Structure formats: C-alpha cells, structure tokens
Amino acid sequence: MKVDLVLFMGQSNIAGRGVAEEAPSVAEGHGYEFRAITDPTTLYPVTEPFGVNENKEDGITETIKTGSLVSAFINEYYSITHLPIVAVSASKGGSSIDEWQPGTPYLNDSIDRLHTAKEWLESNGYEVRRLFMVWCQGETDALVPKSSYVPKLTNMIEEMLEQGVERCYLIRIGNKEGTDLYKSMIEIQTDFCKSYPHATLVSTLYAGMTSDQLNLMKDDGIHYTQEGYNRVGEEAGRNVAFHINNRKEPCMYDPEYGELYFSYKS
C-alpha cells in the first residue's frame, strides 16, 4: 500500500487552538496518525485534536492542542491525490526558530519521530511514496530581522532534507489582530519561499482573517477559530497536492498584498 509520510511542524497555529468537534472527520483509509511517542506499533484514524498526547519529556511537549488544520489538510489532499497521508505530530506552541536548530531537543525529537514512522511503515508492508514536512511558525520571532531568521530557517530545513524530507511546504503566518506586529515576518516568509529552492508556500489565508466580521480569530487576535484552521488546511492540502502532481509552484490569492502570489521556481 502506498502512502505519503508527513511531519506537521511549527508552533501553535499548526498545533491547533480550535475546537475539535468543529473539525471535519477523515474517512477511513484517507489518512492515518502515526503516534511515534505513545504507540509506535500501529496506525490510528486521524481525529482532532491531532497529536494531543504525543509528548516527550526531553523533546516536544505540547499539552494544549484543541483542534488543528490537519484533518482538513488530509481530506483535501486525498481528494486530489487519492493517496492517504500518514501524519506525524511535531509541533510546540510558542516555539522560536532558535529552538528548531540542528541539535536542539525539538528538532532531534522530530527527526526521531520521522525515522520511527518510516521504519515502521516499511517494515509493515507500506511503500512511502513521498516524505515531506508542513511548517507553520514565526509569530514568536515577529521582531527577528531577516538577516537572522532566514539563515536559521534554512539550517532547520537543510537538516530535515539530510534526514530524507523531500521538501518544506510552508504555511505563512497571519497578522496579529489590530497591530502590524507580524508584517515583517509575513514579508520574510513570502520572499523566502520565492527564492529558496526547497520550500514552497502553500497557504496565505491566515493574513486575511483579522476582520471582526469574519469571526475567524480568538485569544486577542493570536490564534484562529476552528473554521479558520479548516480553511487554511484545505488551501494548504490543495496546494501541496498541486505541487506534487505537477511539479509547479502553486498560485493563490494573497490577502496581505491584495494580489495573486506567484513563484517561478519549479
């Protein structure tokens, strides 16, 4: 059986602060969770809150996951590729890019989870067609300059490439409601995905969710409602599937800049 193995990595807006009951269900056979920490002996149906118990004392510990974008991502991805995802949780709310550098506990734990999942799948009759990471992080580093953030983001991705990850699919952060605090990081991540050959931008939707009328933000404009996570998951899943199927960068509307996002990388 062919599957695609995916690490979901970053901070709270990929860990999820939504409402699990408002997330879409994932049909049997369309996606699985590999619980690399609590039970690395089988595949589980994908349910929200995704990865809620996948905590390691000397690695990634995240105890307040309440509903994420992962289920929506898997549904959209499967509808296009017709291949199930085996999803592995590796996210930590509030984490900075410094905490994801080679040799740090978070990245070491992520790598261990990746290898544990891949080895189990291959030992149990599964063929891993694609292996990639979905990354969403940057709010904690809102005031970090480009000259510091980009080399560290590159270092993290390069280490994951060395470990067998094929590509980083990046979900760009949004704005903090009522401020311009995240404007610089949005620009940094946008430019990075246009220039760095191993990263692809797959969702810009968070940037368009600050309007009170949309009712898509919570927690003083830092996190999103489950509907917000569902929308981002769908867009990201669709654009990752497009890139994998066509080997072309996806095009999408960018609410931050009021225009279509293009990248001419292959």
C-alpha atoms as a PDB file:
ATOM      1  CA  MET A   1       0.000   0.000   0.000  1.00  0.00           C
ATOM      2  CA  LYS A   2       1.374   3.416  -0.970  1.00  0.00           C
ATOM      3  CA  VAL A   3       1.238   6.293   1.498  1.00  0.00           C
ATOM      4  CA  ASP A   4       2.748   9.750   1.854  1.00  0.00           C
ATOM      5  CA  LEU A   5       4.509  10.421   5.166  1.00  0.00           C
ATOM      6  CA  VAL A   6       4.106  13.943   6.539  1.00  0.00           C
ATOM      7  CA  LEU A   7       5.517  15.755   9.567  1.00  0.00           C
ATOM      8  CA  PHE A   8       3.377  18.653  10.809  1.00  0.00           C
ATOM      9  CA  MET A   9       5.846  21.022  12.484  1.00  0.00           C
ATOM     10  CA  GLY A  10       5.972  24.502  13.977  1.00  0.00           C
ATOM     11  CA  GLN A  11       4.195  26.428  16.706  1.00  0.00           C
ATOM     12  CA  SER A  12       0.647  26.930  17.968  1.00  0.00           C
ATOM     13  CA  ASN A  13      -1.179  27.653  14.711  1.00  0.00           C
ATOM     14  CA  ILE A  14      -0.222  24.257  13.351  1.00  0.00           C
ATOM     15  CA  ALA A  15      -0.521  22.562  16.744  1.00  0.00           C
ATOM     16  CA  GLY A  16      -4.065  23.953  16.782  1.00  0.00           C
ATOM     17  CA  ARG A  17      -6.133  26.050  19.166  1.00  0.00           C
ATOM     18  CA  GLY A  18      -9.515  25.330  17.591  1.00  0.00           C
ATOM     19  CA  VAL A  19     -12.453  23.179  18.670  1.00  0.00           C
ATOM     20  CA  ALA A  20     -12.032  19.523  17.796  1.00  0.00           C
ATOM     21  CA  GLU A  21     -15.753  18.898  17.342  1.00  0.00           C
ATOM     22  CA  GLU A  22     -15.880  21.541  14.590  1.00  0.00           C
ATOM     23  CA  ALA A  23     -13.114  19.942  12.520  1.00  0.00           C
ATOM     24  CA  PRO A  24     -14.082  17.722   9.580  1.00  0.00           C
ATOM     25  CA  SER A  25     -13.925  13.985  10.024  1.00  0.00           C
ATOM     26  CA  VAL A  26     -11.418  11.974   7.993  1.00  0.00           C
ATOM     27  CA  ALA A  27     -12.916   8.971   6.225  1.00  0.00           C
ATOM     28  CA  GLU A  28     -11.461   5.553   6.879  1.00  0.00           C
ATOM     29  CA  GLY A  29      -8.475   4.908   4.623  1.00  0.00           C
ATOM     30  CA  HIS A  30      -7.986   8.566   3.662  1.00  0.00           C
ATOM     31  CA  GLY A  31      -5.383   9.295   6.323  1.00  0.00           C
ATOM     32  CA  TYR A  32      -3.751   7.955   9.450  1.00  0.00           C
ATOM     33  CA  GLU A  33      -1.904   9.196  12.504  1.00  0.00           C
ATOM     34  CA  PHE A  34       1.342   7.518  13.491  1.00  0.00           C
ATOM     35  CA  ARG A  35       1.814   8.041  17.219  1.00  0.00           C
ATOM     36  CA  ALA A  36       5.578   7.933  17.403  1.00  0.00           C
ATOM     37  CA  ILE A  37       5.660   8.566  21.155  1.00  0.00           C
ATOM     38  CA  THR A  38       2.624   6.926  22.728  1.00  0.00           C
ATOM     39  CA  ASP A  39       2.194   3.874  20.492  1.00  0.00           C
ATOM     40  CA  PRO A  40       4.626   3.390  17.588  1.00  0.00           C
ATOM     41  CA  THR A  41       3.197  -0.015  16.756  1.00  0.00           C
ATOM     42  CA  THR A  42       0.186   0.736  14.570  1.00  0.00           C
ATOM     43  CA  LEU A  43      -1.697   3.363  12.570  1.00  0.00           C
ATOM     44  CA  TYR A  44      -4.628   5.247  14.067  1.00  0.00           C
ATOM     45  CA  PRO A  45      -7.545   7.039  12.412  1.00  0.00           C
ATOM     46  CA  VAL A  46      -6.956  10.800  12.228  1.00  0.00           C
ATOM     47  CA  THR A  47      -9.008  12.591  14.853  1.00  0.00           C
ATOM     48  CA  GLU A  48      -8.845  16.019  16.430  1.00  0.00           C
ATOM     49  CA  PRO A  49      -7.194  17.278  18.458  1.00  0.00           C
ATOM     50  CA  PHE A  50      -4.429  15.814  16.328  1.00  0.00           C
ATOM     51  CA  GLY A  51      -1.328  14.701  18.238  1.00  0.00           C
ATOM     52  CA  VAL A  52      -2.708  15.781  21.591  1.00  0.00           C
ATOM     53  CA  ASN A  53      -0.848  13.123  23.570  1.00  0.00           C
ATOM     54  CA  GLU A  54       2.376  12.931  21.549  1.00  0.00           C
ATOM     55  CA  ASN A  55       4.592  14.437  24.213  1.00  0.00           C
ATOM     56  CA  LYS A  56       8.171  13.575  25.086  1.00  0.00           C
ATOM     57  CA  GLU A  57       9.720  14.831  28.302  1.00  0.00           C
ATOM     58  CA  ASP A  58      13.118  15.631  26.795  1.00  0.00           C
ATOM     59  CA  GLY A  59      11.696  16.660  23.413  1.00  0.00           C
ATOM     60  CA  ILE A  60       8.429  18.181  22.200  1.00  0.00           C
ATOM     61  CA  THR A  61       5.786  18.606  24.889  1.00  0.00           C
ATOM     62  CA  GLU A  62       2.568  20.388  23.859  1.00  0.00           C
ATOM     63  CA  THR A  63      -0.366  19.876  26.196  1.00  0.00           C
ATOM     64  CA  ILE A  64      -2.965  22.365  24.953  1.00  0.00           C
ATOM     65  CA  LYS A  65      -3.824  21.167  21.451  1.00  0.00           C
ATOM     66  CA  THR A  66      -7.569  21.563  20.963  1.00  0.00           C
ATOM     67  CA  GLY A  67      -8.216  21.328  17.218  1.00  0.00           C
ATOM     68  CA  SER A  68      -5.938  21.775  14.207  1.00  0.00           C
ATOM     69  CA  LEU A  69      -5.822  22.181  10.431  1.00  0.00           C
ATOM     70  CA  VAL A  70      -4.518  18.640   9.895  1.00  0.00           C
ATOM     71  CA  SER A  71      -7.854  16.887   9.280  1.00  0.00           C
ATOM     72  CA  ALA A  72      -8.903  19.448   6.667  1.00  0.00           C
ATOM     73  CA  PHE A  73      -5.471  19.228   5.035  1.00  0.00           C
ATOM     74  CA  ILE A  74      -5.670  15.433   4.757  1.00  0.00           C
ATOM     75  CA  ASN A  75      -9.182  15.488   3.312  1.00  0.00           C
ATOM     76  CA  GLU A  76      -8.291  17.967   0.585  1.00  0.00           C
ATOM     77  CA  TYR A  77      -5.002  16.237  -0.206  1.00  0.00           C
ATOM     78  CA  TYR A  78      -6.674  12.836  -0.555  1.00  0.00           C
ATOM     79  CA  SER A  79      -9.443  14.229  -2.770  1.00  0.00           C
ATOM     80  CA  ILE A  80      -6.779  15.218  -5.320  1.00  0.00           C
ATOM     81  CA  THR A  81      -4.048  12.598  -4.982  1.00  0.00           C
ATOM     82  CA  HIS A  82      -6.156   9.597  -3.867  1.00  0.00           C
ATOM     83  CA  LEU A  83      -3.265   8.613  -1.615  1.00  0.00           C
ATOM     84  CA  PRO A  84      -3.546   8.530   2.166  1.00  0.00           C
ATOM     85  CA  ILE A  85      -1.265  10.566   4.383  1.00  0.00           C
ATOM     86  CA  VAL A  86       0.403   9.096   7.428  1.00  0.00           C
ATOM     87  CA  ALA A  87       0.658  12.149   9.656  1.00  0.00           C
ATOM     88  CA  VAL A  88       3.131  12.656  12.492  1.00  0.00           C
ATOM     89  CA  SER A  89       2.723  15.426  15.045  1.00  0.00           C
ATOM     90  CA  ALA A  90       5.816  17.524  15.864  1.00  0.00           C
ATOM     91  CA  SER A  91       4.655  20.980  16.960  1.00  0.00           C
ATOM     92  CA  LYS A  92       5.171  23.174  20.002  1.00  0.00           C
ATOM     93  CA  GLY A  93       3.198  26.318  20.768  1.00  0.00           C
ATOM     94  CA  GLY A  94       5.248  29.446  21.360  1.00  0.00           C
ATOM     95  CA  SER A  95       8.455  27.966  19.950  1.00  0.00           C
ATOM     96  CA  SER A  96      11.079  30.165  18.316  1.00  0.00           C
ATOM     97  CA  ILE A  97      13.256  29.330  15.335  1.00  0.00           C
ATOM     98  CA  ASP A  98      16.195  29.071  17.751  1.00  0.00           C
ATOM     99  CA  GLU A  99      14.503  26.057  19.328  1.00  0.00           C
ATOM    100  CA  TRP A 100      14.323  24.273  15.958  1.00  0.00           C
ATOM    101  CA  GLN A 101      18.002  24.396  15.078  1.00  0.00           C
ATOM    102  CA  PRO A 102      20.066  21.245  14.368  1.00  0.00           C
ATOM    103  CA  GLY A 103      20.989  19.546  17.615  1.00  0.00           C
ATOM    104  CA  THR A 104      18.154  21.052  19.671  1.00  0.00           C
ATOM    105  CA  PRO A 105      15.661  18.837  21.539  1.00  0.00           C
ATOM    106  CA  TYR A 106      12.716  19.801  19.307  1.00  0.00           C
ATOM    107  CA  LEU A 107      14.453  19.055  16.036  1.00  0.00           C
ATOM    108  CA  ASN A 108      16.109  15.914  17.358  1.00  0.00           C
ATOM    109  CA  ASP A 109      12.729  14.659  18.539  1.00  0.00           C
ATOM    110  CA  SER A 110      11.145  15.470  15.167  1.00  0.00           C
ATOM    111  CA  ILE A 111      13.866  13.531  13.372  1.00  0.00           C
ATOM    112  CA  ASP A 112      13.405  10.566  15.708  1.00  0.00           C
ATOM    113  CA  ARG A 113       9.649  10.608  15.055  1.00  0.00           C
ATOM    114  CA  LEU A 114      10.274  10.727  11.314  1.00  0.00           C
ATOM    115  CA  HIS A 115      12.617   7.746  11.322  1.00  0.00           C
ATOM    116  CA  THR A 116      10.430   5.741  13.694  1.00  0.00           C
ATOM    117  CA  ALA A 117       7.421   6.240  11.406  1.00  0.00           C
ATOM    118  CA  LYS A 118       9.307   5.478   8.198  1.00  0.00           C
ATOM    119  CA  GLU A 119      10.932   2.356   9.586  1.00  0.00           C
ATOM    120  CA  TRP A 120       7.636   1.056  10.958  1.00  0.00           C
ATOM    121  CA  LEU A 121       5.830   1.657   7.669  1.00  0.00           C
ATOM    122  CA  GLU A 122       8.494  -0.055   5.578  1.00  0.00           C
ATOM    123  CA  SER A 123       8.645  -2.983   7.993  1.00  0.00           C
ATOM    124  CA  ASN A 124       4.896  -3.480   7.763  1.00  0.00           C
ATOM    125  CA  GLY A 125       4.356  -3.578   4.030  1.00  0.00           C
ATOM    126  CA  TYR A 126       3.805   0.099   3.247  1.00  0.00           C
ATOM    127  CA  GLU A 127       5.552   1.965   0.433  1.00  0.00           C
ATOM    128  CA  VAL A 128       6.383   5.566   1.318  1.00  0.00           C
ATOM    129  CA  ARG A 129       5.888   7.457  -1.930  1.00  0.00           C
ATOM    130  CA  ARG A 130       6.577  10.974  -0.643  1.00  0.00           C
ATOM    131  CA  LEU A 131       8.067  12.256   2.593  1.00  0.00           C
ATOM    132  CA  PHE A 132       7.639  15.935   3.363  1.00  0.00           C
ATOM    133  CA  MET A 133       7.111  18.458   6.146  1.00  0.00           C
ATOM    134  CA  VAL A 134       4.413  21.087   6.608  1.00  0.00           C
ATOM    135  CA  TRP A 135       5.760  24.034   8.595  1.00  0.00           C
ATOM    136  CA  CYS A 136       3.985  26.968  10.250  1.00  0.00           C
ATOM    137  CA  GLN A 137       5.998  29.107  12.670  1.00  0.00           C
ATOM    138  CA  GLY A 138       7.113  32.690  13.081  1.00  0.00           C
ATOM    139  CA  GLU A 139       4.816  34.587  15.421  1.00  0.00           C
ATOM    140  CA  THR A 140       7.275  34.208  18.303  1.00  0.00           C
ATOM    141  CA  ASP A 141      10.015  35.623  16.064  1.00  0.00           C
ATOM    142  CA  ALA A 142       7.985  38.586  14.822  1.00  0.00           C
ATOM    143  CA  LEU A 143      10.723  41.099  15.611  1.00  0.00           C
ATOM    144  CA  VAL A 144      13.662  38.953  14.485  1.00  0.00           C
ATOM    145  CA  PRO A 145      15.377  40.528  11.448  1.00  0.00           C
ATOM    146  CA  LYS A 146      15.543  38.758   8.113  1.00  0.00           C
ATOM    147  CA  SER A 147      19.326  38.503   8.394  1.00  0.00           C
ATOM    148  CA  SER A 148      18.905  36.283  11.453  1.00  0.00           C
ATOM    149  CA  TYR A 149      15.671  34.396  10.774  1.00  0.00           C
ATOM    150  CA  VAL A 150      16.343  33.244   7.204  1.00  0.00           C
ATOM    151  CA  PRO A 151      19.688  31.513   7.893  1.00  0.00           C
ATOM    152  CA  LYS A 152      18.142  29.699  10.862  1.00  0.00           C
ATOM    153  CA  LEU A 153      15.078  28.633   8.904  1.00  0.00           C
ATOM    154  CA  THR A 154      17.392  27.431   6.137  1.00  0.00           C
ATOM    155  CA  ASN A 155      19.538  25.494   8.619  1.00  0.00           C
ATOM    156  CA  MET A 156      16.476  23.718  10.002  1.00  0.00           C
ATOM    157  CA  ILE A 157      15.168  22.751   6.565  1.00  0.00           C
ATOM    158  CA  GLU A 158      18.600  21.631   5.367  1.00  0.00           C
ATOM    159  CA  GLU A 159      18.859  19.300   8.352  1.00  0.00           C
ATOM    160  CA  MET A 160      15.450  17.818   7.576  1.00  0.00           C
ATOM    161  CA  LEU A 161      16.499  17.336   3.936  1.00  0.00           C
ATOM    162  CA  GLU A 162      19.526  15.425   5.169  1.00  0.00           C
ATOM    163  CA  GLN A 163      17.156  13.170   7.098  1.00  0.00           C
ATOM    164  CA  GLY A 164      15.122  12.289   3.993  1.00  0.00           C
ATOM    165  CA  VAL A 165      12.468  15.014   3.851  1.00  0.00           C
ATOM    166  CA  GLU A 166      11.896  15.992   0.221  1.00  0.00           C
ATOM    167  CA  ARG A 167      10.509  19.487   0.723  1.00  0.00           C
ATOM    168  CA  CYS A 168       9.242  22.032   3.224  1.00  0.00           C
ATOM    169  CA  TYR A 169       5.703  23.186   2.488  1.00  0.00           C
ATOM    170  CA  LEU A 170       5.243  26.453   4.344  1.00  0.00           C
ATOM    171  CA  ILE A 171       2.002  27.845   5.717  1.00  0.00           C
ATOM    172  CA  ARG A 172       2.681  31.551   6.164  1.00  0.00           C
ATOM    173  CA  ILE A 173       1.711  33.202   9.419  1.00  0.00           C
ATOM    174  CA  GLY A 174      -1.025  35.840   9.568  1.00  0.00           C
ATOM    175  CA  ASN A 175      -1.350  39.191  11.270  1.00  0.00           C
ATOM    176  CA  LYS A 176      -1.887  39.814  14.958  1.00  0.00           C
ATOM    177  CA  GLU A 177      -5.310  41.390  15.074  1.00  0.00           C
ATOM    178  CA  GLY A 178      -5.188  45.167  15.490  1.00  0.00           C
ATOM    179  CA  THR A 179      -1.426  45.551  15.013  1.00  0.00           C
ATOM    180  CA  ASP A 180       1.307  45.405  12.384  1.00  0.00           C
ATOM    181  CA  LEU A 181       3.488  43.216  14.591  1.00  0.00           C
ATOM    182  CA  TYR A 182       3.747  40.333  12.115  1.00  0.00           C
ATOM    183  CA  LYS A 183       4.065  42.358   8.912  1.00  0.00           C
ATOM    184  CA  SER A 184       7.817  41.939   8.687  1.00  0.00           C
ATOM    185  CA  MET A 185       7.702  38.166   9.236  1.00  0.00           C
ATOM    186  CA  ILE A 186       4.997  37.793   6.582  1.00  0.00           C
ATOM    187  CA  GLU A 187       7.269  39.571   4.099  1.00  0.00           C
ATOM    188  CA  ILE A 188      10.278  37.473   5.163  1.00  0.00           C
ATOM    189  CA  GLN A 189       8.417  34.193   4.669  1.00  0.00           C
ATOM    190  CA  THR A 190       6.936  35.303   1.353  1.00  0.00           C
ATOM    191  CA  ASP A 191      10.316  36.272  -0.078  1.00  0.00           C
ATOM    192  CA  PHE A 192      11.940  33.126   1.326  1.00  0.00           C
ATOM    193  CA  CYS A 193       9.521  30.846  -0.498  1.00  0.00           C
ATOM    194  CA  LYS A 194      10.111  32.697  -3.752  1.00  0.00           C
ATOM    195  CA  SER A 195      13.883  32.278  -3.563  1.00  0.00           C
ATOM    196  CA  TYR A 196      14.769  29.166  -1.547  1.00  0.00           C
ATOM    197  CA  PRO A 197      14.657  26.074  -3.788  1.00  0.00           C
ATOM    198  CA  HIS A 198      13.411  23.567  -1.212  1.00  0.00           C
ATOM    199  CA  ALA A 199      10.431  25.481   0.231  1.00  0.00           C
ATOM    200  CA  THR A 200       7.015  26.101  -1.278  1.00  0.00           C
ATOM    201  CA  LEU A 201       4.382  28.490   0.051  1.00  0.00           C
ATOM    202  CA  VAL A 202       1.045  26.680   0.269  1.00  0.00           C
ATOM    203  CA  SER A 203      -1.251  28.996   2.199  1.00  0.00           C
ATOM    204  CA  THR A 204      -1.572  32.759   2.637  1.00  0.00           C
ATOM    205  CA  LEU A 205      -5.061  32.686   4.155  1.00  0.00           C
ATOM    206  CA  TYR A 206      -4.125  33.471   7.750  1.00  0.00           C
ATOM    207  CA  ALA A 207      -3.274  37.020   6.661  1.00  0.00           C
ATOM    208  CA  GLY A 208      -6.884  37.669   5.647  1.00  0.00           C
ATOM    209  CA  MET A 209      -8.555  36.598   8.902  1.00  0.00           C
ATOM    210  CA  THR A 210      -8.188  39.714  11.058  1.00  0.00           C
ATOM    211  CA  SER A 211     -11.570  41.270  10.273  1.00  0.00           C
ATOM    212  CA  ASP A 212     -14.002  41.168  13.206  1.00  0.00           C
ATOM    213  CA  GLN A 213     -16.790  40.472  10.733  1.00  0.00           C
ATOM    214  CA  LEU A 214     -15.197  37.168   9.704  1.00  0.00           C
ATOM    215  CA  ASN A 215     -15.068  35.895  13.301  1.00  0.00           C
ATOM    216  CA  LEU A 216     -12.058  33.705  12.498  1.00  0.00           C
ATOM    217  CA  MET A 217      -9.683  34.844  15.260  1.00  0.00           C
ATOM    218  CA  LYS A 218      -9.546  34.346  19.025  1.00  0.00           C
ATOM    219  CA  ASP A 219      -7.236  34.757  22.020  1.00  0.00           C
ATOM    220  CA  ASP A 220      -6.705  38.501  21.468  1.00  0.00           C
ATOM    221  CA  GLY A 221      -6.024  38.020  17.784  1.00  0.00           C
ATOM    222  CA  ILE A 222      -3.238  35.465  18.093  1.00  0.00           C
ATOM    223  CA  HIS A 223      -4.957  32.172  17.269  1.00  0.00           C
ATOM    224  CA  TYR A 224      -7.804  31.135  14.980  1.00  0.00           C
ATOM    225  CA  THR A 225     -11.198  29.536  15.292  1.00  0.00           C
ATOM    226  CA  GLN A 226     -11.640  26.010  14.026  1.00  0.00           C
ATOM    227  CA  GLU A 227     -13.256  27.406  10.886  1.00  0.00           C
ATOM    228  CA  GLY A 228     -10.088  29.396  10.279  1.00  0.00           C
ATOM    229  CA  TYR A 229      -7.939  26.299  10.686  1.00  0.00           C
ATOM    230  CA  ASN A 230     -10.246  24.318   8.405  1.00  0.00           C
ATOM    231  CA  ARG A 231      -9.926  26.904   5.634  1.00  0.00           C
ATOM    232  CA  VAL A 232      -6.144  27.040   5.876  1.00  0.00           C
ATOM    233  CA  GLY A 233      -5.883  23.256   5.984  1.00  0.00           C
ATOM    234  CA  GLU A 234      -7.959  22.945   2.825  1.00  0.00           C
ATOM    235  CA  GLU A 235      -5.903  25.535   0.936  1.00  0.00           C
ATOM    236  CA  ALA A 236      -2.601  24.045   2.063  1.00  0.00           C
ATOM    237  CA  GLY A 237      -3.660  20.477   1.253  1.00  0.00           C
ATOM    238  CA  ARG A 238      -4.834  21.531  -2.198  1.00  0.00           C
ATOM    239  CA  ASN A 239      -1.636  23.420  -2.992  1.00  0.00           C
ATOM    240  CA  VAL A 240       0.682  20.682  -1.741  1.00  0.00           C
ATOM    241  CA  ALA A 241      -1.207  18.169  -3.887  1.00  0.00           C
ATOM    242  CA  PHE A 242      -0.930  20.518  -6.878  1.00  0.00           C
ATOM    243  CA  HIS A 243       2.817  20.865  -6.430  1.00  0.00           C
ATOM    244  CA  ILE A 244       3.374  17.141  -6.054  1.00  0.00           C
ATOM    245  CA  ASN A 245       1.188  16.258  -9.038  1.00  0.00           C
ATOM    246  CA  ASN A 246       2.512  18.961 -11.368  1.00  0.00           C
ATOM    247  CA  ARG A 247       5.964  19.874 -10.024  1.00  0.00           C
ATOM    248  CA  LYS A 248       4.973  23.502 -10.355  1.00  0.00           C
ATOM    249  CA  GLU A 249       4.660  26.175  -7.714  1.00  0.00           C
ATOM    250  CA  PRO A 250       1.027  26.895  -6.807  1.00  0.00           C
ATOM    251  CA  CYS A 251      -0.599  30.255  -7.407  1.00  0.00           C
ATOM    252  CA  MET A 252      -3.046  31.663  -4.860  1.00  0.00           C
ATOM    253  CA  TYR A 253      -4.683  34.922  -3.849  1.00  0.00           C
ATOM    254  CA  ASP A 254      -2.652  36.733  -1.205  1.00  0.00           C
ATOM    255  CA  PRO A 255      -4.853  38.850   1.070  1.00  0.00           C
ATOM    256  CA  GLU A 256      -1.807  40.513   2.640  1.00  0.00           C
ATOM    257  CA  TYR A 257      -0.882  42.207  -0.629  1.00  0.00           C
ATOM    258  CA  GLY A 258      -4.218  42.117  -2.443  1.00  0.00           C
ATOM    259  CA  GLU A 259      -2.861  40.235  -5.443  1.00  0.00           C
ATOM    260  CA  LEU A 260      -2.036  36.767  -6.714  1.00  0.00           C
ATOM    261  CA  TYR A 261       1.018  35.089  -5.254  1.00  0.00           C
ATOM    262  CA  PHE A 262       3.392  33.720  -7.910  1.00  0.00           C
ATOM    263  CA  SER A 263       6.724  31.968  -7.642  1.00  0.00           C
ATOM    264  CA  TYR A 264       8.582  30.887 -10.743  1.00  0.00           C
ATOM    265  CA  LYS A 265      10.567  28.075  -9.133  1.00  0.00           C
ATOM    266  CA  SER A 266       9.879  24.585 -10.457  1.00  0.00           C
END
